[in-house]
N, C-alpha and C. Protein backbone atom coordinates (compact mmCIF):
# COMPACT_ATOMS: atom_id res chain seq x y z
N UNK A 1 0.81 -1.19 0.00
CA UNK A 1 0.00 0.00 0.00
C UNK A 1 0.86 1.26 0.00
N UNK A 2 2.06 1.19 0.50
CA UNK A 2 2.92 2.36 0.56
C UNK A 2 3.31 2.87 -0.81
N UNK A 3 3.40 1.99 -1.81
CA UNK A 3 3.78 2.39 -3.16
C UNK A 3 2.70 3.30 -3.75
N UNK A 4 1.45 2.95 -3.57
CA UNK A 4 0.36 3.73 -4.13
C UNK A 4 0.26 5.10 -3.45
N UNK A 5 0.45 5.13 -2.18
CA UNK A 5 0.42 6.39 -1.45
C UNK A 5 1.54 7.30 -1.95
N UNK A 6 2.70 6.73 -2.15
CA UNK A 6 3.84 7.50 -2.64
C UNK A 6 3.59 8.00 -4.06
N UNK A 7 2.96 7.19 -4.88
CA UNK A 7 2.70 7.57 -6.27
C UNK A 7 1.80 8.80 -6.34
N UNK A 8 0.72 8.80 -5.59
CA UNK A 8 -0.20 9.93 -5.63
C UNK A 8 0.42 11.19 -5.06
N UNK A 9 1.23 11.03 -4.06
CA UNK A 9 1.81 12.22 -3.44
C UNK A 9 2.90 12.84 -4.30
N UNK A 10 3.54 12.08 -5.18
CA UNK A 10 4.61 12.62 -6.02
C UNK A 10 4.21 12.76 -7.48
N UNK A 11 2.95 12.49 -7.80
CA UNK A 11 2.49 12.53 -9.20
C UNK A 11 2.66 13.92 -9.82
N UNK A 12 2.24 14.96 -9.13
CA UNK A 12 2.33 16.31 -9.69
C UNK A 12 3.78 16.75 -9.88
N UNK A 13 4.64 16.39 -8.97
CA UNK A 13 6.05 16.76 -9.10
C UNK A 13 6.67 16.06 -10.31
N UNK A 14 6.32 14.78 -10.51
CA UNK A 14 6.86 14.05 -11.65
C UNK A 14 6.34 14.63 -12.96
N UNK A 15 5.07 15.02 -12.99
CA UNK A 15 4.50 15.62 -14.20
C UNK A 15 5.19 16.95 -14.53
N UNK A 16 5.48 17.75 -13.51
CA UNK A 16 6.17 19.01 -13.74
C UNK A 16 7.59 18.77 -14.24
N UNK A 17 8.27 17.76 -13.72
CA UNK A 17 9.61 17.43 -14.19
C UNK A 17 9.58 16.99 -15.65
N UNK A 18 8.58 16.18 -16.01
CA UNK A 18 8.45 15.74 -17.39
C UNK A 18 8.21 16.92 -18.32
N UNK A 19 7.34 17.84 -17.91
CA UNK A 19 7.04 19.01 -18.72
C UNK A 19 8.29 19.88 -18.89
N UNK A 20 9.04 20.08 -17.82
CA UNK A 20 10.27 20.87 -17.90
C UNK A 20 11.28 20.21 -18.82
N UNK A 21 11.39 18.89 -18.73
CA UNK A 21 12.32 18.15 -19.59
C UNK A 21 11.91 18.28 -21.05
N UNK A 22 10.61 18.18 -21.31
CA UNK A 22 10.10 18.29 -22.68
C UNK A 22 10.37 19.68 -23.24
N UNK A 23 10.12 20.73 -22.45
CA UNK A 23 10.36 22.10 -22.89
C UNK A 23 11.85 22.35 -23.13
N UNK A 24 12.70 21.79 -22.27
CA UNK A 24 14.14 21.95 -22.44
C UNK A 24 14.60 21.30 -23.74
N UNK A 25 14.07 20.11 -24.03
CA UNK A 25 14.44 19.40 -25.24
C UNK A 25 13.99 20.17 -26.49
N UNK A 26 12.78 20.73 -26.45
CA UNK A 26 12.30 21.52 -27.58
C UNK A 26 13.14 22.78 -27.77
N UNK A 27 13.53 23.41 -26.68
CA UNK A 27 14.35 24.61 -26.78
C UNK A 27 15.73 24.29 -27.37
N UNK A 28 16.29 23.15 -26.98
CA UNK A 28 17.58 22.75 -27.54
C UNK A 28 17.46 22.46 -29.03
N UNK A 29 16.38 21.81 -29.44
CA UNK A 29 16.17 21.52 -30.86
C UNK A 29 16.05 22.82 -31.65
N UNK A 30 15.30 23.78 -31.09
CA UNK A 30 15.10 25.05 -31.78
C UNK A 30 16.43 25.80 -31.91
N UNK A 31 17.23 25.81 -30.85
CA UNK A 31 18.52 26.49 -30.88
C UNK A 31 19.45 25.82 -31.89
N UNK A 32 19.42 24.51 -31.93
CA UNK A 32 20.26 23.78 -32.87
C UNK A 32 19.84 24.08 -34.31
N UNK A 33 18.53 24.12 -34.55
CA UNK A 33 18.03 24.39 -35.89
C UNK A 33 18.39 25.81 -36.33
N UNK A 34 18.27 26.78 -35.42
CA UNK A 34 18.62 28.15 -35.75
C UNK A 34 20.11 28.30 -36.01
N UNK A 35 20.93 27.57 -35.26
CA UNK A 35 22.38 27.63 -35.46
C UNK A 35 22.75 27.00 -36.80
N UNK A 36 22.05 25.97 -37.17
CA UNK A 36 22.33 25.29 -38.43
C UNK A 36 21.96 26.16 -39.62
N UNK A 37 20.82 26.87 -39.52
CA UNK A 37 20.37 27.73 -40.61
C UNK A 37 21.27 28.95 -40.77
N UNK A 38 21.80 29.42 -39.70
CA UNK A 38 22.64 30.61 -39.74
C UNK A 38 21.78 31.85 -39.62
N UNK A 39 22.41 33.00 -39.67
CA UNK A 39 21.64 34.24 -39.56
C UNK A 39 20.77 34.44 -40.79
N UNK A 40 19.61 35.02 -40.56
CA UNK A 40 18.70 35.28 -41.67
C UNK A 40 19.24 36.43 -42.50
N UNK A 41 19.18 36.27 -43.80
CA UNK A 41 19.64 37.31 -44.71
C UNK A 41 18.48 38.22 -45.03
N UNK A 42 18.67 39.48 -44.77
CA UNK A 42 17.64 40.47 -45.07
C UNK A 42 17.85 40.94 -46.51
N UNK A 43 16.81 40.84 -47.29
CA UNK A 43 16.87 41.26 -48.68
C UNK A 43 16.36 42.69 -48.76
N UNK A 44 17.24 43.61 -49.12
CA UNK A 44 16.88 45.02 -49.18
C UNK A 44 16.20 45.40 -50.49
N UNK A 45 16.11 44.46 -51.40
CA UNK A 45 15.51 44.73 -52.70
C UNK A 45 14.00 44.90 -52.53
N UNK A 46 13.52 46.07 -52.91
CA UNK A 46 12.08 46.34 -52.80
C UNK A 46 11.35 45.72 -53.98
N UNK A 47 10.23 45.10 -53.70
CA UNK A 47 9.43 44.46 -54.74
C UNK A 47 8.26 45.35 -55.16
N UNK A 48 8.31 46.63 -54.86
CA UNK A 48 7.22 47.52 -55.22
C UNK A 48 7.36 47.97 -56.67
N UNK A 49 6.24 48.30 -57.25
CA UNK A 49 6.23 48.76 -58.63
C UNK A 49 6.49 50.25 -58.68
N UNK A 50 7.09 50.67 -59.79
CA UNK A 50 7.34 52.09 -60.01
C UNK A 50 6.05 52.73 -60.50
N UNK A 51 5.60 53.77 -59.83
CA UNK A 51 4.33 54.41 -60.16
C UNK A 51 4.39 55.16 -61.49
N UNK A 52 5.58 55.53 -61.91
CA UNK A 52 5.70 56.30 -63.15
C UNK A 52 5.61 55.41 -64.39
N UNK A 53 5.83 54.10 -64.26
CA UNK A 53 5.76 53.19 -65.40
C UNK A 53 4.36 52.61 -65.54
N UNK A 54 3.87 52.54 -66.76
CA UNK A 54 2.55 51.92 -66.95
C UNK A 54 2.66 50.39 -66.85
N UNK A 55 1.60 49.75 -66.39
CA UNK A 55 1.57 48.30 -66.29
C UNK A 55 1.04 47.76 -67.62
N UNK A 56 1.86 46.96 -68.28
CA UNK A 56 1.47 46.41 -69.57
C UNK A 56 1.23 44.92 -69.45
N UNK A 57 0.61 44.35 -70.49
CA UNK A 57 0.36 42.92 -70.50
C UNK A 57 1.68 42.15 -70.53
N UNK A 58 2.67 42.66 -71.25
CA UNK A 58 3.98 42.02 -71.31
C UNK A 58 4.64 41.99 -69.93
N UNK A 59 4.48 43.05 -69.17
CA UNK A 59 5.03 43.11 -67.82
C UNK A 59 4.40 42.05 -66.92
N UNK A 60 3.10 41.85 -67.07
CA UNK A 60 2.40 40.90 -66.23
C UNK A 60 2.66 39.45 -66.60
N UNK A 61 2.88 39.18 -67.90
CA UNK A 61 2.96 37.79 -68.36
C UNK A 61 4.36 37.29 -68.63
N UNK A 62 5.37 38.13 -68.64
CA UNK A 62 6.73 37.72 -68.97
C UNK A 62 7.37 37.07 -67.74
N UNK A 63 7.64 35.74 -67.77
CA UNK A 63 8.21 35.07 -66.60
C UNK A 63 9.71 35.34 -66.42
N UNK A 64 10.40 35.80 -67.47
CA UNK A 64 11.85 36.00 -67.39
C UNK A 64 12.23 37.39 -66.88
N UNK A 65 11.24 38.22 -66.68
CA UNK A 65 11.51 39.57 -66.22
C UNK A 65 11.77 39.59 -64.71
N UNK A 66 12.55 40.53 -64.24
CA UNK A 66 12.84 40.66 -62.81
C UNK A 66 11.58 40.96 -62.14
């Protein structure tokens, strides 16, 4: 009977330890993934259209254009 009494009294502590372990493991995975990817490269190239140029059908349909 002592085993069951001990189980109920320590159940919440064990669950908190498991949760902490799980969160620690996820944080390590995230840090490892970010380190592997390296710093994010910011692209300064603006993708906005020039208001002074008219929009033509060739501009819209040409796949080789920038």
